[in-house]
Amino acid sequence: METFGASGVSLLVADLSGRALIRLGHGASDVDARTQGRETAERVPLTGTSHGAALASQRVVVDDGAEGARVFAPVTIAGRPSACST
């Protein structure tokens, strides 16, 4: 994170339906997420989102906002697409 000056990084894994990503995390979350101890799993829809655009195009998508830029970079592991956002 320090190398890129990122304030946070998330790894999102494609769910089996192909219609959403699952953001895996640790600790308390202010969103509606499944939890097991400190582990969290938040469902993130793909349709009409930057997450979905990055995954479908397999290209980096950058959203500039008031709090800074968000970068969505597709990652393929063992032939299965995922997406990572910072």
C-alpha atoms as a PDB file:
ATOM      1  CA  MET A   1       0.000   0.000   0.000  1.00  0.00           C
ATOM      2  CA  GLU A   2       2.788   2.422   0.865  1.00  0.00           C
ATOM      3  CA  THR A   3       4.443   2.005  -2.541  1.00  0.00           C
ATOM      4  CA  PHE A   4       1.335   3.350  -4.276  1.00  0.00           C
ATOM      5  CA  GLY A   5       0.188   5.725  -1.529  1.00  0.00           C
ATOM      6  CA  ALA A   6      -3.013   3.719  -1.129  1.00  0.00           C
ATOM      7  CA  SER A   7      -5.166   4.153   1.952  1.00  0.00           C
ATOM      8  CA  GLY A   8      -6.672   0.686   1.518  1.00  0.00           C
ATOM      9  CA  VAL A   9      -6.659  -2.381  -0.682  1.00  0.00           C
ATOM     10  CA  SER A  10      -9.404  -4.977  -1.210  1.00  0.00           C
ATOM     11  CA  LEU A  11      -9.305  -8.343  -2.933  1.00  0.00           C
ATOM     12  CA  LEU A  12     -12.583  -9.310  -4.539  1.00  0.00           C
ATOM     13  CA  VAL A  13     -13.157 -12.885  -5.697  1.00  0.00           C
ATOM     14  CA  ALA A  14     -15.753 -13.835  -8.324  1.00  0.00           C
ATOM     15  CA  ASP A  15     -18.620 -15.867  -6.858  1.00  0.00           C
ATOM     16  CA  LEU A  16     -19.924 -18.983  -8.565  1.00  0.00           C
ATOM     17  CA  SER A  17     -22.953 -17.204 -10.053  1.00  0.00           C
ATOM     18  CA  GLY A  18     -20.797 -14.826 -12.103  1.00  0.00           C
ATOM     19  CA  ARG A  19     -23.067 -11.933 -11.078  1.00  0.00           C
ATOM     20  CA  ALA A  20     -21.151 -10.645  -8.079  1.00  0.00           C
ATOM     21  CA  LEU A  21     -17.782 -10.394  -6.418  1.00  0.00           C
ATOM     22  CA  ILE A  22     -17.059 -11.195  -2.793  1.00  0.00           C
ATOM     23  CA  ARG A  23     -14.857  -8.707  -0.899  1.00  0.00           C
ATOM     24  CA  LEU A  24     -12.892 -10.582   1.751  1.00  0.00           C
ATOM     25  CA  GLY A  25     -11.752  -8.671   4.817  1.00  0.00           C
ATOM     26  CA  HIS A  26     -10.867  -8.587   8.502  1.00  0.00           C
ATOM     27  CA  GLY A  27     -12.309  -6.791  11.483  1.00  0.00           C
ATOM     28  CA  ALA A  28     -15.411  -4.737  12.012  1.00  0.00           C
ATOM     29  CA  SER A  29     -17.327  -3.625   8.957  1.00  0.00           C
ATOM     30  CA  ASP A  30     -19.981  -0.938   8.600  1.00  0.00           C
ATOM     31  CA  VAL A  31     -21.591  -2.769   5.675  1.00  0.00           C
ATOM     32  CA  ASP A  32     -23.952  -5.726   5.618  1.00  0.00           C
ATOM     33  CA  ALA A  33     -21.469  -8.581   5.395  1.00  0.00           C
ATOM     34  CA  ARG A  34     -21.253 -12.193   6.476  1.00  0.00           C
ATOM     35  CA  THR A  35     -18.839 -12.640   9.348  1.00  0.00           C
ATOM     36  CA  GLN A  36     -17.011 -15.474  11.023  1.00  0.00           C
ATOM     37  CA  GLY A  37     -14.943 -14.186  13.915  1.00  0.00           C
ATOM     38  CA  ARG A  38     -12.970 -11.270  12.477  1.00  0.00           C
ATOM     39  CA  GLU A  39     -13.343 -12.492   8.877  1.00  0.00           C
ATOM     40  CA  THR A  40     -15.882 -10.695   6.668  1.00  0.00           C
ATOM     41  CA  ALA A  41     -17.352 -11.456   3.247  1.00  0.00           C
ATOM     42  CA  GLU A  42     -19.265  -8.656   1.495  1.00  0.00           C
ATOM     43  CA  ARG A  43     -21.192  -9.257  -1.754  1.00  0.00           C
ATOM     44  CA  VAL A  44     -20.421  -6.610  -4.409  1.00  0.00           C
ATOM     45  CA  PRO A  45     -22.686  -6.502  -7.502  1.00  0.00           C
ATOM     46  CA  LEU A  46     -21.080  -6.436 -10.949  1.00  0.00           C
ATOM     47  CA  THR A  47     -23.762  -4.929 -13.183  1.00  0.00           C
ATOM     48  CA  GLY A  48     -23.199  -1.229 -13.827  1.00  0.00           C
ATOM     49  CA  THR A  49     -20.178  -0.951 -11.532  1.00  0.00           C
ATOM     50  CA  SER A  50     -16.510  -0.153 -12.030  1.00  0.00           C
ATOM     51  CA  HIS A  51     -15.749  -3.554 -10.513  1.00  0.00           C
ATOM     52  CA  GLY A  52     -17.806  -5.176 -13.251  1.00  0.00           C
ATOM     53  CA  ALA A  53     -16.293  -3.030 -16.012  1.00  0.00           C
ATOM     54  CA  ALA A  54     -12.749  -3.974 -14.962  1.00  0.00           C
ATOM     55  CA  LEU A  55     -13.603  -7.654 -14.763  1.00  0.00           C
ATOM     56  CA  ALA A  56     -15.482  -7.772 -18.087  1.00  0.00           C
ATOM     57  CA  SER A  57     -12.903  -5.763 -20.049  1.00  0.00           C
ATOM     58  CA  GLN A  58      -9.873  -7.232 -18.232  1.00  0.00           C
ATOM     59  CA  ARG A  59      -8.506  -3.661 -18.120  1.00  0.00           C
ATOM     60  CA  VAL A  60      -7.746  -1.243 -15.302  1.00  0.00           C
ATOM     61  CA  VAL A  61     -10.610   1.160 -14.514  1.00  0.00           C
ATOM     62  CA  VAL A  62      -9.916   4.385 -12.563  1.00  0.00           C
ATOM     63  CA  ASP A  63     -12.682   6.349 -10.811  1.00  0.00           C
ATOM     64  CA  ASP A  64     -11.687   9.845  -9.653  1.00  0.00           C
ATOM     65  CA  GLY A  65     -13.641  11.041  -6.625  1.00  0.00           C
ATOM     66  CA  ALA A  66     -13.606  13.695  -3.926  1.00  0.00           C
ATOM     67  CA  GLU A  67     -11.659  11.394  -1.585  1.00  0.00           C
ATOM     68  CA  GLY A  68      -9.126  10.414  -4.262  1.00  0.00           C
ATOM     69  CA  ALA A  69      -8.939   7.896  -7.057  1.00  0.00           C
ATOM     70  CA  ARG A  70     -10.141   4.308  -6.865  1.00  0.00           C
ATOM     71  CA  VAL A  71      -8.351   1.835  -9.114  1.00  0.00           C
ATOM     72  CA  PHE A  72      -9.991  -1.422 -10.176  1.00  0.00           C
ATOM     73  CA  ALA A  73      -7.456  -3.870 -11.600  1.00  0.00           C
ATOM     74  CA  PRO A  74      -8.527  -7.307 -12.857  1.00  0.00           C
ATOM     75  CA  VAL A  75      -6.433 -10.236 -11.684  1.00  0.00           C
ATOM     76  CA  THR A  76      -6.657 -13.757 -13.060  1.00  0.00           C
ATOM     77  CA  ILE A  77      -5.481 -16.591 -10.853  1.00  0.00           C
ATOM     78  CA  ALA A  78      -5.387 -20.123 -12.249  1.00  0.00           C
ATOM     79  CA  GLY A  79      -7.688 -19.080 -15.084  1.00  0.00           C
ATOM     80  CA  ARG A  80     -10.365 -17.673 -12.752  1.00  0.00           C
ATOM     81  CA  PRO A  81     -10.973 -13.920 -12.947  1.00  0.00           C
ATOM     82  CA  SER A  82     -11.083 -11.762  -9.823  1.00  0.00           C
ATOM     83  CA  ALA A  83     -10.775  -8.041  -9.260  1.00  0.00           C
ATOM     84  CA  CYS A  84      -8.777  -5.955  -6.872  1.00  0.00           C
ATOM     85  CA  SER A  85      -9.627  -2.401  -5.855  1.00  0.00           C
ATOM     86  CA  THR A  86      -7.616   0.168  -3.978  1.00  0.00           C
END
